[in-house]
Amino acid sequence: MGESKRRKEALGEKYGKEKNILPWIPITKTQAAFFMKWSTRISWIGIGLLAATWITIRIIGPGFGWWEVN
């Protein structure tokens, strides 16, 4: 009997199911990785928008006379 069959018999219904990160939190490791991937991507988009807004207000705006910068 192979290791896989022994593991399948030992785990029963839990065989092949992914484990949760913590026992009391119903989030699997794959779900956590997916969340981290998208939250990182969204954060970089936000940083880019913040930089673009800052450049517009601080540099481009005064060039068109929108705001007085002393």
C-alpha atoms as a PDB file:
ATOM      1  CA  MET A   1       0.000   0.000   0.000  1.00  0.00           C
ATOM      2  CA  GLY A   2       1.355   3.411  -0.955  1.00  0.00           C
ATOM      3  CA  GLU A   3       1.726   6.475   1.200  1.00  0.00           C
ATOM      4  CA  SER A   4      -1.120   8.218  -0.583  1.00  0.00           C
ATOM      5  CA  LYS A   5      -3.592   5.426   0.220  1.00  0.00           C
ATOM      6  CA  ARG A   6      -2.502   5.344   3.871  1.00  0.00           C
ATOM      7  CA  ARG A   7      -2.933   9.101   4.130  1.00  0.00           C
ATOM      8  CA  LYS A   8      -6.362   8.886   2.475  1.00  0.00           C
ATOM      9  CA  GLU A   9      -7.511   6.247   4.951  1.00  0.00           C
ATOM     10  CA  ALA A  10      -6.135   8.192   7.924  1.00  0.00           C
ATOM     11  CA  LEU A  11      -7.726  11.522   6.949  1.00  0.00           C
ATOM     12  CA  GLY A  12     -11.070  10.160   5.775  1.00  0.00           C
ATOM     13  CA  GLU A  13     -13.336  12.965   4.554  1.00  0.00           C
ATOM     14  CA  LYS A  14     -10.647  15.612   5.104  1.00  0.00           C
ATOM     15  CA  TYR A  15      -8.437  14.052   2.397  1.00  0.00           C
ATOM     16  CA  GLY A  16      -7.752  16.445  -0.451  1.00  0.00           C
ATOM     17  CA  LYS A  17      -9.251  19.452   1.314  1.00  0.00           C
ATOM     18  CA  GLU A  18      -7.098  22.466   1.913  1.00  0.00           C
ATOM     19  CA  LYS A  19      -6.285  23.471   5.490  1.00  0.00           C
ATOM     20  CA  ASN A  20      -7.346  26.775   6.988  1.00  0.00           C
ATOM     21  CA  ILE A  21      -4.766  29.346   8.012  1.00  0.00           C
ATOM     22  CA  LEU A  22      -5.986  29.228  11.605  1.00  0.00           C
ATOM     23  CA  PRO A  23      -8.519  26.772  13.021  1.00  0.00           C
ATOM     24  CA  TRP A  24     -10.997  29.498  14.011  1.00  0.00           C
ATOM     25  CA  ILE A  25     -10.735  31.472  10.737  1.00  0.00           C
ATOM     26  CA  PRO A  26     -12.459  29.841   7.732  1.00  0.00           C
ATOM     27  CA  ILE A  27      -9.925  31.116   5.162  1.00  0.00           C
ATOM     28  CA  THR A  28      -7.736  28.718   3.203  1.00  0.00           C
ATOM     29  CA  LYS A  29      -4.167  29.365   2.169  1.00  0.00           C
ATOM     30  CA  THR A  30      -5.171  29.775  -1.474  1.00  0.00           C
ATOM     31  CA  GLN A  31      -7.786  32.374  -0.565  1.00  0.00           C
ATOM     32  CA  ALA A  32      -5.249  34.272   1.537  1.00  0.00           C
ATOM     33  CA  ALA A  33      -2.726  34.270  -1.319  1.00  0.00           C
ATOM     34  CA  PHE A  34      -5.404  35.521  -3.728  1.00  0.00           C
ATOM     35  CA  PHE A  35      -6.326  38.336  -1.314  1.00  0.00           C
ATOM     36  CA  MET A  36      -2.671  39.331  -0.884  1.00  0.00           C
ATOM     37  CA  LYS A  37      -2.133  39.392  -4.647  1.00  0.00           C
ATOM     38  CA  TRP A  38      -5.091  41.683  -5.315  1.00  0.00           C
ATOM     39  CA  SER A  39      -4.628  43.922  -2.288  1.00  0.00           C
ATOM     40  CA  THR A  40      -0.998  44.523  -3.295  1.00  0.00           C
ATOM     41  CA  ARG A  41      -2.032  45.342  -6.861  1.00  0.00           C
ATOM     42  CA  ILE A  42      -4.751  47.746  -5.673  1.00  0.00           C
ATOM     43  CA  SER A  43      -2.307  49.402  -3.262  1.00  0.00           C
ATOM     44  CA  TRP A  44       0.162  50.119  -6.076  1.00  0.00           C
ATOM     45  CA  ILE A  45      -2.642  51.570  -8.182  1.00  0.00           C
ATOM     46  CA  GLY A  46      -3.569  53.832  -5.264  1.00  0.00           C
ATOM     47  CA  ILE A  47       0.038  54.953  -4.854  1.00  0.00           C
ATOM     48  CA  GLY A  48       0.207  55.768  -8.569  1.00  0.00           C
ATOM     49  CA  LEU A  49      -3.017  57.778  -8.395  1.00  0.00           C
ATOM     50  CA  LEU A  50      -1.758  59.639  -5.343  1.00  0.00           C
ATOM     51  CA  ALA A  51       1.491  60.525  -7.145  1.00  0.00           C
ATOM     52  CA  ALA A  52      -0.406  61.657 -10.257  1.00  0.00           C
ATOM     53  CA  THR A  53      -2.727  63.817  -8.152  1.00  0.00           C
ATOM     54  CA  TRP A  54       0.206  65.344  -6.278  1.00  0.00           C
ATOM     55  CA  ILE A  55       2.032  66.152  -9.517  1.00  0.00           C
ATOM     56  CA  THR A  56      -1.125  67.706 -10.968  1.00  0.00           C
ATOM     57  CA  ILE A  57      -1.799  69.896  -7.943  1.00  0.00           C
ATOM     58  CA  ARG A  58       1.789  70.821  -7.115  1.00  0.00           C
ATOM     59  CA  ILE A  59       3.398  71.232 -10.547  1.00  0.00           C
ATOM     60  CA  ILE A  60       0.886  71.353 -13.404  1.00  0.00           C
ATOM     61  CA  GLY A  61      -1.809  73.344 -11.554  1.00  0.00           C
ATOM     62  CA  PRO A  62       0.301  76.407 -10.787  1.00  0.00           C
ATOM     63  CA  GLY A  63       1.488  76.427 -14.394  1.00  0.00           C
ATOM     64  CA  PHE A  64      -2.096  77.026 -15.503  1.00  0.00           C
ATOM     65  CA  GLY A  65      -2.718  79.509 -12.683  1.00  0.00           C
ATOM     66  CA  TRP A  66      -5.098  77.262 -10.737  1.00  0.00           C
ATOM     67  CA  TRP A  67      -3.428  77.829  -7.370  1.00  0.00           C
ATOM     68  CA  GLU A  68      -0.972  80.342  -6.025  1.00  0.00           C
ATOM     69  CA  VAL A  69       2.178  78.740  -4.673  1.00  0.00           C
ATOM     70  CA  ASN A  70       4.399  81.119  -2.736  1.00  0.00           C
END
